[in-house]
N, C-alpha and C. Protein backbone atom coordinates (compact mmCIF):
# COMPACT_ATOMS: atom_id res chain seq x y z
N MET A 1 -14.68 -2.62 -2.20
CA MET A 1 -14.57 -1.77 -2.06
C MET A 1 -13.36 -1.35 -1.20
N ARG A 2 -13.31 -2.45 -0.04
CA ARG A 2 -11.79 -2.27 0.59
C ARG A 2 -10.62 -2.75 -0.78
N ILE A 3 -11.01 -3.42 -1.58
CA ILE A 3 -9.28 -3.75 -2.30
C ILE A 3 -9.31 -2.10 -3.17
N ALA A 4 -10.31 -1.59 -3.48
CA ALA A 4 -10.46 -0.36 -3.56
C ALA A 4 -9.68 0.75 -3.46
N ARG A 5 -10.47 0.57 -1.74
CA ARG A 5 -9.46 1.65 -0.96
C ARG A 5 -7.99 1.45 -1.18
N GLU A 6 -7.92 0.27 -1.16
CA GLU A 6 -6.01 -0.13 -0.91
C GLU A 6 -5.59 0.20 -2.01
N LYS A 7 -6.51 -0.30 -3.11
CA LYS A 7 -5.30 0.31 -4.49
C LYS A 7 -5.20 1.68 -4.82
N ARG A 8 -6.29 2.36 -3.95
CA ARG A 8 -6.03 4.11 -3.73
C ARG A 8 -4.94 4.55 -3.06
N THR A 9 -4.70 3.96 -2.07
CA THR A 9 -3.86 4.24 -0.81
C THR A 9 -2.22 3.61 -1.51
N ILE A 10 -1.81 2.59 -2.01
CA ILE A 10 -1.39 2.22 -2.25
C ILE A 10 -0.82 3.42 -3.98
N ARG A 11 -1.73 3.86 -4.36
CA ARG A 11 -1.47 4.79 -5.43
C ARG A 11 -0.53 5.76 -5.01
N ALA A 12 -1.54 6.65 -3.89
CA ALA A 12 -1.11 7.49 -3.23
C ALA A 12 -0.03 7.75 -2.04
N MET A 13 0.29 6.26 -1.82
CA MET A 13 1.83 6.21 -0.76
C MET A 13 2.88 6.43 -2.02
N ILE A 14 2.99 5.60 -2.94
CA ILE A 14 3.90 5.70 -4.22
C ILE A 14 4.17 7.10 -5.04
N GLY A 15 2.73 7.83 -5.16
CA GLY A 15 3.12 9.38 -5.48
C GLY A 15 3.38 9.87 -4.83
N ILE A 16 3.32 10.04 -3.50
CA ILE A 16 4.37 10.74 -2.47
C ILE A 16 5.84 10.25 -2.70
N TYR A 17 6.47 9.10 -2.86
CA TYR A 17 7.67 8.75 -2.45
C TYR A 17 8.16 9.16 -3.50
N CYS A 18 7.89 8.78 -4.87
CA CYS A 18 8.36 9.31 -6.06
C CYS A 18 8.66 11.24 -6.59
N ARG A 19 7.47 11.39 -5.96
CA ARG A 19 7.56 12.71 -6.49
C ARG A 19 8.57 13.17 -5.02
N SER A 20 8.87 12.80 -4.00
CA SER A 20 9.55 13.47 -3.31
C SER A 20 11.34 12.41 -3.40
N ARG A 21 11.18 11.56 -3.59
CA ARG A 21 12.51 10.76 -3.64
C ARG A 21 13.25 10.95 -5.04
N HIS A 22 12.12 10.93 -6.17
CA HIS A 22 13.01 10.63 -8.00
C HIS A 22 12.08 12.19 -8.25
N GLY A 23 11.45 13.43 -7.79
CA GLY A 23 11.74 14.15 -8.70
C GLY A 23 10.67 14.26 -9.62
N SER A 24 9.51 13.60 -9.75
CA SER A 24 9.01 13.23 -10.47
C SER A 24 7.54 13.96 -10.45
N PRO A 25 7.03 15.41 -11.22
CA PRO A 25 5.96 16.11 -10.68
C PRO A 25 4.54 15.72 -10.87
N ARG A 26 4.49 14.41 -11.69
CA ARG A 26 3.08 14.78 -12.37
C ARG A 26 3.49 12.80 -12.32
N GLU A 27 4.21 12.09 -13.45
CA GLU A 27 3.70 10.83 -13.45
C GLU A 27 5.21 10.11 -12.59
N LEU A 28 4.25 8.73 -12.33
CA LEU A 28 6.31 7.98 -11.78
C LEU A 28 6.70 7.24 -12.65
N CYS A 29 8.46 7.85 -12.06
CA CYS A 29 9.66 6.93 -12.80
C CYS A 29 9.19 5.34 -13.02
N SER A 30 9.88 5.20 -13.92
CA SER A 30 9.43 3.68 -14.28
C SER A 30 9.72 2.81 -12.89
N GLU A 31 10.85 3.21 -12.04
CA GLU A 31 10.97 1.61 -10.80
C GLU A 31 9.74 2.04 -10.58
N CYS A 32 9.23 3.49 -10.01
CA CYS A 32 7.98 3.36 -9.26
C CYS A 32 6.54 2.96 -10.15
N LYS A 33 6.45 3.13 -11.11
CA LYS A 33 5.65 2.69 -11.63
C LYS A 33 5.78 0.53 -12.04
N ASP A 34 6.52 0.22 -11.63
CA ASP A 34 6.77 -1.38 -11.65
C ASP A 34 6.37 -1.58 -10.72
N VAL A 35 6.54 -1.21 -9.12
CA VAL A 35 5.81 -1.59 -8.25
C VAL A 35 4.71 -1.05 -7.55
N LEU A 36 4.18 -0.05 -8.08
CA LEU A 36 2.98 -0.05 -8.82
C LEU A 36 1.95 -1.11 -9.19
N ASP A 37 2.38 -1.32 -10.43
CA ASP A 37 2.15 -2.31 -10.89
C ASP A 37 1.64 -3.19 -10.38
N TYR A 38 3.10 -3.83 -9.87
CA TYR A 38 3.11 -5.19 -8.98
C TYR A 38 2.17 -4.99 -7.87
N ALA A 39 2.21 -4.21 -7.23
CA ALA A 39 1.28 -4.14 -5.32
C ALA A 39 -0.33 -4.32 -6.22
N LEU A 40 -0.24 -3.16 -7.33
CA LEU A 40 -1.68 -3.44 -7.77
C LEU A 40 -2.72 -5.10 -8.26
N CYS A 41 -0.94 -5.85 -8.93
CA CYS A 41 -1.44 -7.24 -9.96
C CYS A 41 -1.58 -8.22 -8.10
N ARG A 42 -1.07 -8.23 -7.02
CA ARG A 42 -0.83 -8.74 -6.12
C ARG A 42 -2.62 -8.22 -5.45
N LEU A 43 -3.00 -6.97 -5.24
CA LEU A 43 -4.08 -6.60 -4.88
C LEU A 43 -5.52 -7.80 -5.88
N ASP A 44 -5.57 -7.53 -6.55
CA ASP A 44 -6.06 -8.15 -8.04
C ASP A 44 -6.23 -9.64 -7.63
N ARG A 45 -5.32 -9.63 -7.09
CA ARG A 45 -5.29 -11.63 -7.22
C ARG A 45 -5.44 -12.23 -5.00
N CYS A 46 -4.94 -11.18 -4.75
CA CYS A 46 -5.13 -11.91 -3.12
C CYS A 46 -6.15 -12.74 -2.82
N PRO A 47 -6.18 -14.36 -2.33
CA PRO A 47 -7.02 -15.00 -2.28
C PRO A 47 -8.21 -14.58 -1.51
N PHE A 48 -7.58 -13.81 -0.50
CA PHE A 48 -8.74 -13.33 0.81
C PHE A 48 -9.46 -12.49 0.29
N GLY A 49 -9.62 -11.74 -0.82
CA GLY A 49 -10.21 -10.62 -1.40
C GLY A 49 -11.05 -10.35 0.16
N ALA A 50 -12.00 -9.60 -0.22
CA ALA A 50 -12.93 -8.22 0.64
C ALA A 50 -12.70 -8.14 2.42
N LYS A 51 -11.92 -9.79 2.43
CA LYS A 51 -11.36 -10.12 3.87
C LYS A 51 -10.59 -10.14 4.19
N LYS A 52 -9.39 -9.69 3.67
CA LYS A 52 -7.86 -9.63 3.78
C LYS A 52 -7.36 -9.01 4.39
N PRO A 53 -6.16 -9.51 5.67
CA PRO A 53 -5.77 -8.54 6.47
C PRO A 53 -4.64 -7.10 5.64
N ALA A 54 -4.38 -6.53 6.61
CA ALA A 54 -3.44 -5.74 6.38
C ALA A 54 -2.38 -6.49 5.59
N CYS A 55 -1.84 -5.79 4.55
CA CYS A 55 -0.83 -6.78 4.30
C CYS A 55 0.47 -7.35 4.88
N ALA A 56 0.66 -6.30 5.60
CA ALA A 56 1.90 -6.24 6.99
C ALA A 56 1.60 -7.34 7.97
N ASP A 57 0.38 -8.02 7.77
CA ASP A 57 -0.63 -8.94 9.47
C ASP A 57 -1.35 -9.99 8.18
N CYS A 58 -0.90 -10.51 7.16
CA CYS A 58 -0.90 -11.42 6.16
C CYS A 58 -0.26 -12.48 6.71
N PRO A 59 -0.86 -13.89 6.53
CA PRO A 59 -0.19 -15.00 7.20
C PRO A 59 -0.02 -15.80 5.27
N ILE A 60 0.37 -15.02 3.96
CA ILE A 60 0.41 -15.51 2.81
C ILE A 60 1.27 -14.81 2.49
N HIS A 61 2.89 -14.27 2.27
CA HIS A 61 3.81 -13.77 1.65
C HIS A 61 3.78 -13.81 0.19
N CYS A 62 2.86 -12.44 -0.10
CA CYS A 62 2.77 -12.90 -2.10
C CYS A 62 3.53 -12.07 -2.93
N TYR A 63 3.99 -11.56 -1.67
CA TYR A 63 5.40 -10.14 -2.63
C TYR A 63 6.70 -10.85 -2.72
N ARG A 64 7.58 -11.36 -3.92
CA ARG A 64 8.58 -11.10 -3.60
C ARG A 64 9.91 -10.39 -3.08
N ARG A 65 10.26 -10.78 -2.28
CA ARG A 65 11.31 -10.72 -1.40
C ARG A 65 11.42 -9.24 -1.73
N SER A 66 11.78 -8.78 -3.17
CA SER A 66 12.75 -7.48 -3.31
C SER A 66 11.41 -6.46 -3.36
N MET A 67 10.42 -6.82 -3.88
CA MET A 67 9.43 -5.75 -3.89
C MET A 67 8.72 -6.01 -2.23
N ARG A 68 9.02 -6.52 -1.58
CA ARG A 68 8.23 -6.22 -0.32
C ARG A 68 9.31 -5.73 0.74
N GLU A 69 11.05 -5.08 0.86
CA GLU A 69 11.51 -4.27 0.31
C GLU A 69 10.88 -2.48 0.04
N GLN A 70 11.27 -2.82 -1.29
CA GLN A 70 10.97 -1.54 -1.45
C GLN A 70 9.46 -1.01 -1.12
N VAL A 71 7.90 -1.70 -1.34
CA VAL A 71 7.25 -1.33 -0.53
C VAL A 71 6.98 -0.98 0.71
N ARG A 72 8.02 -1.71 1.37
CA ARG A 72 8.31 -1.08 2.70
C ARG A 72 9.02 -0.04 2.99
N GLU A 73 10.10 0.57 2.04
CA GLU A 73 10.64 1.87 2.23
C GLU A 73 9.68 3.11 1.98
N VAL A 74 8.74 2.44 0.79
CA VAL A 74 7.68 3.15 0.47
C VAL A 74 6.65 3.68 1.36
N MET A 75 6.44 2.86 2.03
CA MET A 75 5.65 3.04 3.44
C MET A 75 5.88 3.86 4.00
N ARG A 76 7.33 3.58 4.68
CA ARG A 76 7.83 4.02 5.75
C ARG A 76 8.03 5.93 5.55
N TYR A 77 8.63 5.82 4.54
CA TYR A 77 8.21 7.40 3.86
C TYR A 77 6.83 7.94 3.44
N SER A 78 6.31 7.07 3.32
CA SER A 78 5.01 8.16 3.00
C SER A 78 3.78 7.58 3.92
N GLY A 79 3.81 6.89 4.44
CA GLY A 79 3.06 6.39 5.76
C GLY A 79 2.75 7.88 6.54
N PRO A 80 3.89 8.46 7.45
CA PRO A 80 3.45 10.23 8.05
C PRO A 80 3.39 11.76 6.90
N ARG A 81 3.45 11.27 6.12
CA ARG A 81 2.84 12.45 5.39
C ARG A 81 1.01 11.95 4.56
N MET A 82 1.14 10.45 4.77
CA MET A 82 -0.26 10.39 4.48
C MET A 82 -1.34 11.21 4.96
N LEU A 83 -0.93 11.60 6.11
CA LEU A 83 -1.87 12.25 7.15
C LEU A 83 -1.80 13.39 6.47
N TRP A 84 -0.83 14.23 6.76
CA TRP A 84 -1.16 15.49 5.68
C TRP A 84 -1.99 15.51 4.56
N ARG A 85 -1.98 14.58 3.41
CA ARG A 85 -2.12 15.19 1.66
C ARG A 85 -3.27 14.33 1.65
N HIS A 86 -3.56 13.05 2.51
CA HIS A 86 -4.35 12.11 2.23
C HIS A 86 -5.12 11.26 3.76
N PRO A 87 -5.25 12.37 4.88
CA PRO A 87 -5.65 12.34 5.97
C PRO A 87 -7.08 11.21 5.74
N ILE A 88 -7.95 11.01 4.96
CA ILE A 88 -8.98 9.65 5.41
C ILE A 88 -8.25 8.77 5.17
N LEU A 89 -7.81 8.90 4.30
CA LEU A 89 -6.69 6.93 3.28
C LEU A 89 -6.30 6.99 4.52
N ALA A 90 -5.35 7.29 5.29
CA ALA A 90 -3.92 7.01 5.99
C ALA A 90 -5.21 6.59 6.96
N VAL A 91 -6.13 7.41 7.77
CA VAL A 91 -7.17 6.54 8.56
C VAL A 91 -7.44 4.94 8.95
N LEU A 92 -7.79 5.29 7.77
CA LEU A 92 -8.25 3.87 6.97
C LEU A 92 -7.78 2.79 7.28
N HIS A 93 -6.65 3.22 6.36
CA HIS A 93 -5.63 2.18 6.35
C HIS A 93 -4.87 1.90 7.45
N LEU A 94 -4.85 2.85 8.41
CA LEU A 94 -4.35 2.53 9.94
C LEU A 94 -5.74 1.58 10.52
N TRP A 95 -7.14 1.68 10.42
CA TRP A 95 -8.36 1.01 10.67
C TRP A 95 -8.53 -0.43 10.51
N ASP A 96 -8.31 -0.16 8.76
CA ASP A 96 -8.03 -1.92 8.40
C ASP A 96 -7.02 -2.66 8.97
N GLY A 97 -5.63 -2.16 10.10
CA GLY A 97 -4.67 -3.05 10.54
C GLY A 97 -4.92 -3.44 11.45
N TRP A 98 -5.46 -2.50 12.54
CA TRP A 98 -5.94 -2.24 13.72
C TRP A 98 -7.05 -3.66 13.88
N ARG A 99 -8.14 -3.19 13.01
CA ARG A 99 -9.22 -4.13 13.23
C ARG A 99 -9.01 -5.65 12.66
N HIS A 100 -8.17 -5.70 11.91
CA HIS A 100 -7.27 -7.21 11.62
C HIS A 100 -6.64 -7.62 12.37
N ARG A 101 -5.96 -7.31 12.82
CA ARG A 101 -5.07 -7.50 13.78
C ARG A 101 -6.11 -7.89 14.95
N ASP A 102 -6.52 -7.82 15.55
CA ASP A 102 -7.45 -7.57 16.73
C ASP A 102 -8.37 -9.19 16.40
N ARG A 103 -9.09 -9.64 15.59
CA ARG A 103 -10.20 -9.77 14.87
C ARG A 103 -9.46 -10.72 13.34
N PRO A 104 -8.59 -11.64 13.58
CA PRO A 104 -8.12 -12.19 12.27
C PRO A 104 -9.58 -13.46 11.06
N ASP A 105 -10.54 -13.29 12.11
CA ASP A 105 -11.48 -13.72 11.32
C ASP A 105 -12.87 -12.67 10.27
N THR A 106 -12.64 -12.12 10.48
CA THR A 106 -13.19 -10.65 9.84
C THR A 106 -12.97 -10.36 8.81
């Protein structure tokens, strides 16, 4: 459930970013599609499973440095806009980060 929600969140964030930055009306551009595919693959292979912390707080950095920077850029741009376009996903994403930051064993 948690991984599925994180997948929906990253899809929404990359969609917002790509539509605004690259002018892609419906389909993602090839660069954003590559970032999305990579992020989904990393989520599928997360060793923490359902108990994973937010990626920013994770002790294991499984993203390549270049992809990590691209995802940070996407999140910096899309994060504030998520509150307007996908408010429930945005709040749950923030909640997950706060919850795991306070209690790393959950």
